[in-house]
C-alpha cells in the first residue's frame, strides 16, 4: 500500500506545473537590464582609451573618487544582498544560472532527464533510449548554438557602441565596422558555447568566486532553504524536491557549504504536492528561513553593508560633483632651443566643446600659439605648440597658460621660462 501511494503521489507531482513565474520574470528582467546598461550609456568600457564611460563622462583611473566609489558601491550592494537574501541572487538573477537552466531544460527534453553534459563524478551522459535519434541531436545543437550567437553579443555591448556592433554585423554604416570586434566576438562565442553545452551549473557548484565568497560569510542567520524536521513524517520520500532541484542536490539536507542557489524550485514542488494531495496536509516542508526570521533582524545584520554602500554612493557623488571635463598639460620642447612648449589637451565628455587658450604674463608680441581655440566633437585629445620669441630679455619669465571650455571647465598651468644672458 505504501509503495502504491508513493508511486501515485510521485506521478501526480510530476504532472504539476512548477511555479516560479516571479523568478522567471526576475531572470528575464535582469538579462534585459544587463543589455540596457551599456546601450543606455550608463556604463561601458572604452578599450581605445582604457577608461570607463558613465553616461557622457569618460572616467580615467585618475578620477579616484569615482573609481573607488563605484567599486565600494558594487561590493556594498552584493554584501547587502547576501546579508538579506543569502544566495537568492544566484537563483533569481544570475545570468549564468539562467543560461544553465535553459540549456538543461532543452537537453533533458530532447535527450532525457539524466542527460547531463558534464559530470565531475565521472559518470557518462545517459541518453534515454527512446530519445536517441539524429534529429534530437541536431535540434539540441541548433537550440544551443543559436541563442549563444545572440548572448555572446551582450558582453561586447560593454566594449563597443551599439552602432559599431551593428555595422560590424553588416546592418549599418560599413565605415564604422571594427576589425577587433570579430576577434572578441569569436572569443565570447567560444567561451559561452563551451559554457552552455558542457559546463553549466558546474561553475555555480565548484568554480564561482562569488559563491565561495558567499559561503565564507555564511552563518546561521543567512537566509537559506530549511526542511521542517518537526513534520518529517509528512515527507513521503517521493524525492520530488530533489528531482526539481536545478543544481541536483537534496534540499532536505543542505549544510554550511552546499551548492544551493536559493531558487526555491524545491519549495514550489513540495508546496504543489501538499496543495493537491488529499493525504498530506499543511504547507510545504521546505521554506526560506534563517535563525533571524524577522526582516528587521536581518536588516540589522545588513547595517554594515548598507553603510558601505552609502559610503560608495557618497564617494561616487562627490567624484562627479568635482569632475574635470578636460585635462591639459604643458611641457617644454628641447628642440628650437627650448623656446617652444607643447600643450596637450584631453576632452573627457561625449559632447561637443570648444576650448579657448590664452597666455598671461607675457606680452602679445612675445609668444605665438598655433591656434587659440581647439574644437572637439566628442571625447578626444589634441596637441598644439606655444612658441616664445627668441628675443626675450635674459632672466626668468613667469607666465601662465589658461584653458577655458565652453562647457564651463577651466584650468591653468604655471611655468617659468629661463633665458640665459649673453
Protein backbone atom coordinates (compact mmCIF):
# COMPACT_ATOMS: atom_id res chain seq x y z
CA UNK A 1 0.00 0.00 0.00
CA UNK A 2 2.85 2.36 0.92
CA UNK A 3 4.67 1.70 -2.35
CA UNK A 4 1.49 2.27 -4.33
CA UNK A 5 0.88 5.55 -2.51
CA UNK A 6 4.46 6.72 -3.14
CA UNK A 7 4.22 5.94 -6.84
CA UNK A 8 0.87 7.65 -7.30
CA UNK A 9 1.99 10.77 -5.40
CA UNK A 10 5.19 10.94 -7.43
CA UNK A 11 3.36 10.66 -10.74
CA UNK A 12 0.87 13.29 -9.62
CA UNK A 13 3.72 15.61 -8.61
CA UNK A 14 5.42 15.19 -11.97
CA UNK A 15 2.28 16.46 -13.68
CA UNK A 16 2.16 19.64 -11.62
CA UNK A 17 3.41 22.68 -13.40
CA UNK A 18 6.22 24.17 -11.36
CA UNK A 19 5.69 27.67 -10.10
CA UNK A 20 8.36 30.33 -10.18
CA UNK A 21 6.77 32.74 -12.63
CA UNK A 22 8.12 35.60 -10.50
CA UNK A 23 11.61 34.08 -10.70
CA UNK A 24 11.38 33.70 -14.47
CA UNK A 25 10.31 37.33 -14.71
CA UNK A 26 13.22 38.39 -12.47
CA UNK A 27 15.68 36.43 -14.62
CA UNK A 28 14.37 37.98 -17.84
CA UNK A 29 14.31 41.45 -16.29
CA UNK A 30 17.91 41.16 -15.08
CA UNK A 31 19.09 39.98 -18.50
CA UNK A 32 17.27 42.95 -20.05
CA UNK A 33 18.96 45.28 -17.55
CA UNK A 34 22.37 43.85 -18.49
CA UNK A 35 21.61 44.74 -22.11
CA UNK A 36 20.18 48.18 -21.33
CA UNK A 37 23.08 49.28 -19.10
CA UNK A 38 25.62 49.68 -21.96
CA UNK A 39 23.03 50.66 -24.58
CA UNK A 40 21.74 53.50 -22.39
CA UNK A 41 25.31 54.65 -21.75
CA UNK A 42 25.07 54.01 -18.02
CA UNK A 43 28.30 52.01 -18.01
CA UNK A 44 30.70 51.00 -20.74
CA UNK A 45 34.41 50.27 -21.08
CA UNK A 46 36.32 52.25 -23.69
CA UNK A 47 39.08 49.97 -24.96
CA UNK A 48 40.69 52.66 -27.11
CA UNK A 49 41.38 54.97 -24.16
CA UNK A 50 41.46 52.30 -21.42
CA UNK A 51 38.78 54.15 -19.49
CA UNK A 52 35.25 53.69 -18.18
CA UNK A 53 32.30 55.55 -19.66
CA UNK A 54 29.38 56.52 -17.42
CA UNK A 55 26.71 58.29 -19.45
CA UNK A 56 28.57 61.15 -21.20
CA UNK A 57 31.52 61.07 -18.80
CA UNK A 58 34.81 59.41 -19.64
CA UNK A 59 36.25 58.20 -16.34
CA UNK A 60 40.01 57.87 -16.02
CA UNK A 61 41.77 55.92 -13.30
CA UNK A 62 42.95 59.30 -12.02
CA UNK A 63 39.31 60.06 -11.16
CA UNK A 64 39.97 58.22 -7.93
CA UNK A 65 36.78 59.17 -6.09
CA UNK A 66 34.56 57.91 -8.90
CA UNK A 67 36.55 54.69 -9.41
CA UNK A 68 36.80 53.86 -5.71
CA UNK A 69 33.19 54.92 -5.10
CA UNK A 70 31.94 52.65 -7.88
CA UNK A 71 33.93 49.66 -6.55
CA UNK A 72 32.80 50.21 -2.95
CA UNK A 73 29.19 50.67 -4.11
CA UNK A 74 29.20 47.35 -6.01
CA UNK A 75 30.83 45.49 -3.10
CA UNK A 76 28.37 47.06 -0.68
CA UNK A 77 25.36 46.12 -2.80
CA UNK A 78 26.49 42.50 -3.21
CA UNK A 79 27.20 42.23 0.52
CA UNK A 80 23.81 43.74 1.36
CA UNK A 81 22.03 41.28 -0.94
CA UNK A 82 23.92 38.40 0.65
CA UNK A 83 23.10 39.61 4.18
CA UNK A 84 19.39 40.00 3.44
CA UNK A 85 18.70 37.26 0.92
CA UNK A 86 21.58 34.77 1.06
CA UNK A 87 22.17 33.07 -2.28
CA UNK A 88 18.90 34.26 -3.86
CA UNK A 89 20.89 36.43 -6.29
CA UNK A 90 22.30 33.24 -7.81
CA UNK A 91 18.96 31.51 -8.21
CA UNK A 92 16.87 34.53 -9.17
CA UNK A 93 19.13 36.91 -11.10
CA UNK A 94 22.50 35.43 -12.08
CA UNK A 95 22.72 35.10 -15.89
CA UNK A 96 24.98 32.06 -15.56
CA UNK A 97 22.17 30.21 -13.81
CA UNK A 98 19.59 31.44 -16.33
CA UNK A 99 21.67 30.16 -19.24
CA UNK A 100 22.38 26.86 -17.48
CA UNK A 101 18.70 26.32 -16.67
CA UNK A 102 17.73 26.91 -20.28
CA UNK A 103 20.40 24.50 -21.54
CA UNK A 104 19.46 21.81 -19.01
CA UNK A 105 15.75 22.09 -19.81
CA UNK A 106 16.39 21.76 -23.54
CA UNK A 107 18.86 18.89 -23.10
CA UNK A 108 16.58 16.88 -20.83
CA UNK A 109 13.60 17.46 -23.09
CA UNK A 110 15.46 16.16 -26.15
CA UNK A 111 17.79 13.55 -24.62
CA UNK A 112 16.16 12.56 -21.34
CA UNK A 113 16.28 13.65 -17.71
CA UNK A 114 19.65 12.01 -16.99
CA UNK A 115 21.46 13.52 -19.96
CA UNK A 116 23.89 15.72 -18.02
CA UNK A 117 26.54 17.16 -20.33
CA UNK A 118 29.32 17.44 -17.72
CA UNK A 119 29.51 15.39 -14.54
CA UNK A 120 32.61 15.81 -12.38
CA UNK A 121 31.91 12.45 -10.71
CA UNK A 122 32.93 10.68 -13.92
CA UNK A 123 29.51 9.40 -14.90
CA UNK A 124 28.87 9.30 -18.62
CA UNK A 125 25.93 11.09 -20.16
CA UNK A 126 22.89 8.83 -20.08
CA UNK A 127 20.67 9.44 -23.09
CA UNK A 128 17.20 7.92 -22.87
CA UNK A 129 16.80 5.03 -25.31
CA UNK A 130 13.69 6.48 -26.95
CA UNK A 131 15.47 9.84 -27.38
CA UNK A 132 18.47 8.52 -29.31
CA UNK A 133 17.88 9.98 -32.73
CA UNK A 134 19.90 12.18 -35.08
CA UNK A 135 17.03 14.66 -35.19
CA UNK A 136 17.14 15.20 -31.43
CA UNK A 137 20.90 15.78 -31.52
CA UNK A 138 20.51 18.28 -34.38
CA UNK A 139 17.68 20.07 -32.58
CA UNK A 140 19.78 20.27 -29.43
CA UNK A 141 22.80 21.64 -31.30
CA UNK A 142 20.64 24.23 -33.06
CA UNK A 143 18.83 25.14 -29.85
CA UNK A 144 22.13 25.79 -28.07
CA UNK A 145 24.13 27.46 -30.85
CA UNK A 146 21.51 29.98 -32.00
CA UNK A 147 20.93 31.55 -28.55
CA UNK A 148 24.69 31.61 -27.98
CA UNK A 149 25.15 33.70 -31.13
CA UNK A 150 22.98 36.40 -29.56
CA UNK A 151 24.05 36.03 -25.92
CA UNK A 152 27.72 36.35 -26.95
CA UNK A 153 26.95 39.90 -28.10
CA UNK A 154 25.92 41.06 -24.62
CA UNK A 155 29.48 41.29 -23.18
CA UNK A 156 30.60 43.16 -26.30
CA UNK A 157 27.96 45.85 -25.69
CA UNK A 158 30.15 46.91 -22.77
CA UNK A 159 33.14 47.45 -25.05
CA UNK A 160 31.66 48.79 -28.29
CA UNK A 161 28.92 51.34 -29.03
CA UNK A 162 25.79 49.78 -30.50
CA UNK A 163 26.33 51.43 -33.89
CA UNK A 164 29.79 49.81 -34.21
CA UNK A 165 28.36 46.37 -33.35
CA UNK A 166 25.51 46.66 -35.85
CA UNK A 167 27.90 47.96 -38.52
CA UNK A 168 30.33 45.11 -37.87
CA UNK A 169 27.45 42.66 -38.27
CA UNK A 170 26.54 44.19 -41.62
CA UNK A 171 23.45 46.14 -40.55
CA UNK A 172 24.83 49.67 -40.56
CA UNK A 173 27.41 52.02 -41.99
CA UNK A 174 30.28 49.76 -43.07
CA UNK A 175 32.80 52.51 -42.34
CA UNK A 176 32.04 52.13 -38.61
CA UNK A 177 32.90 48.41 -38.54
CA UNK A 178 35.71 47.42 -36.18
CA UNK A 179 38.26 44.73 -37.03
CA UNK A 180 38.87 43.92 -33.35
CA UNK A 181 35.15 43.23 -32.87
CA UNK A 182 35.35 39.94 -34.77
CA UNK A 183 38.19 38.60 -32.62
CA UNK A 184 36.45 39.47 -29.37
CA UNK A 185 33.15 38.11 -30.65
CA UNK A 186 34.83 34.82 -31.58
CA UNK A 187 36.30 34.56 -28.07
CA UNK A 188 32.99 35.46 -26.42
CA UNK A 189 31.05 32.98 -28.57
CA UNK A 190 33.55 30.15 -27.97
CA UNK A 191 33.57 30.58 -24.20
CA UNK A 192 29.79 30.85 -23.98
CA UNK A 193 29.28 27.85 -26.26
CA UNK A 194 31.58 25.80 -24.03
CA UNK A 195 29.64 27.02 -21.02
CA UNK A 196 26.16 26.38 -22.40
CA UNK A 197 26.98 22.96 -23.87
CA UNK A 198 29.13 21.44 -21.14
CA UNK A 199 29.97 23.45 -18.03
CA UNK A 200 26.62 24.94 -16.97
CA UNK A 201 25.96 24.65 -13.22
CA UNK A 202 29.42 23.19 -12.59
CA UNK A 203 30.58 26.81 -12.39
CA UNK A 204 28.00 27.54 -9.69
CA UNK A 205 28.89 24.47 -7.65
CA UNK A 206 32.68 24.41 -7.99
CA UNK A 207 34.24 27.48 -9.63
CA UNK A 208 32.18 30.61 -8.92
CA UNK A 209 34.19 33.15 -6.90
CA UNK A 210 31.01 34.86 -5.71
CA UNK A 211 29.67 31.57 -4.31
CA UNK A 212 32.97 30.96 -2.49
CA UNK A 213 32.70 34.47 -1.04
CA UNK A 214 29.08 33.81 -0.03
CA UNK A 215 29.98 30.58 1.75
CA UNK A 216 32.87 32.29 3.54
CA UNK A 217 30.40 34.68 5.22
CA UNK A 218 27.55 32.19 5.56
CA UNK A 219 26.23 31.66 9.10
CA UNK A 220 23.09 30.55 10.90
CA UNK A 221 21.45 33.91 10.22
CA UNK A 222 21.86 33.65 6.44
CA UNK A 223 18.59 33.13 4.58
CA UNK A 224 18.53 29.59 3.20
CA UNK A 225 16.28 26.65 2.33
CA UNK A 226 15.17 24.88 5.50
CA UNK A 227 13.47 21.50 5.89
CA UNK A 228 10.80 21.33 8.61
CA UNK A 229 12.09 18.31 10.51
CA UNK A 230 9.23 18.55 13.02
CA UNK A 231 6.91 17.38 10.25
CA UNK A 232 9.31 14.88 8.72
CA UNK A 233 6.61 12.22 8.98
CA UNK A 234 4.76 14.17 6.25
CA UNK A 235 7.64 13.55 3.85
CA UNK A 236 6.65 10.59 1.73
CA UNK A 237 10.10 10.10 0.25
CA UNK A 238 8.87 10.88 -3.26
CA UNK A 239 12.09 12.91 -3.81
CA UNK A 240 10.09 15.41 -5.84
CA UNK A 241 12.01 18.25 -4.17
CA UNK A 242 15.37 16.71 -5.11
CA UNK A 243 14.05 15.87 -8.58
CA UNK A 244 13.09 19.51 -9.14
CA UNK A 245 16.41 20.91 -7.85
CA UNK A 246 18.21 22.59 -10.73
CA UNK A 247 21.67 22.00 -9.20
CA UNK A 248 20.99 18.34 -8.35
CA UNK A 249 21.24 18.42 -4.56
CA UNK A 250 18.86 17.18 -1.88
CA UNK A 251 17.37 20.37 -0.39
CA UNK A 252 16.30 18.47 2.73
CA UNK A 253 19.91 18.17 3.89
CA UNK A 254 21.69 21.38 2.95
CA UNK A 255 24.68 22.30 5.10
CA UNK A 256 27.08 25.18 5.60
CA UNK A 257 28.85 24.62 2.29
CA UNK A 258 26.49 23.33 -0.36
CA UNK A 259 25.50 24.01 -3.93
CA UNK A 260 22.10 25.50 -3.10
CA UNK A 261 21.45 28.69 -5.07
CA UNK A 262 18.19 29.56 -3.35
CA UNK A 263 16.00 29.34 -6.45
CA UNK A 264 13.08 27.91 -4.44
CA UNK A 265 12.01 25.33 -7.03
CA UNK A 266 12.02 22.68 -4.30
CA UNK A 267 9.68 24.82 -2.19
CA UNK A 268 7.30 25.18 -5.12
CA UNK A 269 7.43 21.45 -5.85
CA UNK A 270 6.74 20.42 -2.26
CA UNK A 271 4.06 23.08 -1.90
CA UNK A 272 2.27 21.94 -5.04
CA UNK A 273 2.37 18.35 -3.85
CA UNK A 274 0.87 19.23 -0.47
CA UNK A 275 -1.75 21.50 -2.01
CA UNK A 276 -3.03 18.84 -4.38
CA UNK A 277 -2.66 15.80 -2.16
CA UNK A 278 -5.62 14.51 -0.17
CA UNK A 279 -3.32 12.61 2.19
CA UNK A 280 -0.78 15.35 3.00
CA UNK A 281 -1.73 18.44 4.98
CA UNK A 282 -0.17 21.76 5.81
CA UNK A 283 2.27 23.92 3.86
CA UNK A 284 5.44 22.75 2.14
CA UNK A 285 8.06 21.06 4.28
CA UNK A 286 10.67 23.36 2.72
CA UNK A 287 10.79 27.12 3.11
CA UNK A 288 13.10 30.13 3.12
CA UNK A 289 14.26 30.64 6.68
CA UNK A 290 17.09 31.79 8.94
CA UNK A 291 17.76 31.94 12.66
CA UNK A 292 16.65 35.57 12.44
CA UNK A 293 13.32 35.10 10.73
CA UNK A 294 12.19 38.70 11.24
CA UNK A 295 13.08 41.04 8.41
CA UNK A 296 14.13 43.68 10.94
CA UNK A 297 16.71 41.34 12.46
CA UNK A 298 18.18 40.56 9.05
CA UNK A 299 18.15 44.26 8.24
CA UNK A 300 20.28 44.89 11.32
CA UNK A 301 22.71 42.27 10.04
CA UNK A 302 22.89 44.21 6.79
CA UNK A 303 23.59 47.51 8.56
CA UNK A 304 27.34 47.47 7.91
CA UNK A 305 26.96 46.52 4.23
CA UNK A 306 24.34 49.26 3.88
CA UNK A 307 26.75 51.78 5.40
CA UNK A 308 29.44 50.56 2.99
CA UNK A 309 27.01 51.06 0.11
CA UNK A 310 26.27 54.57 1.36
CA UNK A 311 29.98 55.41 1.56
CA UNK A 312 30.44 54.23 -2.02
CA UNK A 313 27.48 56.32 -3.14
CA UNK A 314 28.84 59.41 -1.37
CA UNK A 315 32.28 58.97 -2.96
CA UNK A 316 30.68 58.47 -6.36
CA UNK A 317 28.52 61.58 -5.94
CA UNK A 318 31.44 63.65 -4.72
CA UNK A 319 33.57 62.46 -7.62
CA UNK A 320 31.00 63.60 -10.17
CA UNK A 321 30.47 66.93 -8.39
CA UNK A 322 34.20 67.64 -8.73
CA UNK A 323 34.59 66.00 -12.13
CA UNK A 324 37.03 67.70 -14.51
CA UNK A 325 35.61 67.53 -18.03
CA UNK A 326 39.01 68.27 -19.57
CA UNK A 327 42.65 67.86 -18.68
CA UNK A 328 45.66 69.66 -20.08
CA UNK A 329 49.38 69.87 -19.53
CA UNK A 330 52.26 71.95 -20.84
CA UNK A 331 55.78 70.63 -21.37
CA UNK A 332 58.92 72.27 -22.72
CA UNK A 333 60.34 71.04 -26.02
CA UNK A 334 64.09 70.50 -26.20
CA UNK A 335 64.15 71.41 -29.88
CA UNK A 336 64.03 75.01 -31.03
CA UNK A 337 66.49 75.97 -28.25
CA UNK A 338 63.82 75.34 -25.66
CA UNK A 339 61.69 78.24 -26.84
CA UNK A 340 58.66 76.05 -27.62
CA UNK A 341 56.13 74.39 -25.33
CA UNK A 342 53.79 71.53 -26.20
CA UNK A 343 50.22 71.93 -24.93
CA UNK A 344 48.32 68.63 -24.63
CA UNK A 345 44.55 68.82 -24.19
CA UNK A 346 42.16 65.94 -23.46
CA UNK A 347 38.39 66.40 -23.58
CA UNK A 348 36.53 63.80 -21.45
CA UNK A 349 32.88 64.43 -22.31
CA UNK A 350 30.99 62.71 -25.12
CA UNK A 351 29.61 66.03 -26.28
CA UNK A 352 30.98 68.94 -28.35
CA UNK A 353 33.13 71.60 -26.73
CA UNK A 354 35.36 74.50 -27.68
CA UNK A 355 38.43 75.13 -25.51
CA UNK A 356 39.97 78.57 -25.72
CA UNK A 357 43.63 79.11 -24.82
CA UNK A 358 45.28 82.25 -23.51
CA UNK A 359 48.66 83.18 -22.07
CA UNK A 360 49.04 85.55 -19.13
CA UNK A 361 52.30 87.11 -18.00
CA UNK A 362 53.77 87.65 -21.47
CA UNK A 363 53.20 90.47 -23.90
CA UNK A 364 51.26 89.52 -27.05
CA UNK A 365 54.30 90.04 -29.27
CA UNK A 366 56.48 87.69 -27.21
CA UNK A 367 54.61 84.44 -27.95
CA UNK A 368 52.61 82.72 -30.65
CA UNK A 369 50.03 79.93 -30.32
CA UNK A 370 49.42 77.52 -33.19
CA UNK A 371 45.73 78.15 -32.54
CA UNK A 372 43.79 79.90 -29.83
CA UNK A 373 40.77 77.58 -29.96
CA UNK A 374 40.53 73.80 -30.04
CA UNK A 375 37.27 72.21 -31.21
CA UNK A 376 36.08 68.79 -30.03
CA UNK A 377 33.04 66.95 -31.37
CA UNK A 378 33.30 64.31 -28.63
CA UNK A 379 35.99 62.87 -26.36
CA UNK A 380 39.46 63.19 -27.77
CA UNK A 381 42.96 64.57 -27.49
CA UNK A 382 44.75 67.36 -29.29
CA UNK A 383 48.15 68.99 -29.16
CA UNK A 384 49.42 72.38 -30.21
CA UNK A 385 52.56 74.40 -29.77
CA UNK A 386 53.30 77.60 -27.90
CA UNK A 387 56.30 79.41 -29.37
CA UNK A 388 58.15 82.03 -27.33
CA UNK A 389 60.07 84.81 -29.01
CA UNK A 390 63.84 84.22 -29.21
CA UNK A 391 64.25 87.92 -28.41
CA UNK A 392 63.02 87.73 -24.83
CA UNK A 393 65.24 89.52 -22.35
CA UNK A 394 67.65 87.44 -20.27
CA UNK A 395 66.26 86.27 -16.95
CA UNK A 396 63.27 84.43 -15.58
CA UNK A 397 59.89 84.88 -17.24
CA UNK A 398 56.92 83.59 -15.28
CA UNK A 399 53.73 83.06 -17.22
CA UNK A 400 50.54 81.05 -17.12
CA UNK A 401 48.67 79.10 -19.82
CA UNK A 402 44.92 79.27 -19.24
CA UNK A 403 42.35 76.99 -20.86
CA UNK A 404 38.61 77.73 -20.77
CA UNK A 405 35.97 75.38 -22.15
CA UNK A 406 32.51 76.20 -23.47
CA UNK A 407 31.07 73.62 -21.03
CA UNK A 408 32.27 75.65 -18.03
CA UNK A 409 35.56 73.90 -17.29
CA UNK A 410 38.73 75.93 -16.85
CA UNK A 411 42.30 75.16 -15.93
CA UNK A 412 45.69 76.81 -15.75
CA UNK A 413 49.31 75.76 -15.92
CA UNK A 414 52.08 77.92 -14.44
CA UNK A 415 55.55 77.90 -15.99
CA UNK A 416 58.89 79.59 -15.55
CA UNK A 417 61.00 80.21 -18.64
CA UNK A 418 64.71 80.90 -18.26
CA UNK A 419 66.53 82.96 -20.85
CA UNK A 420 70.29 82.82 -20.41
CA UNK A 421 72.26 86.02 -20.61
CA UNK A 422 74.90 86.75 -23.19
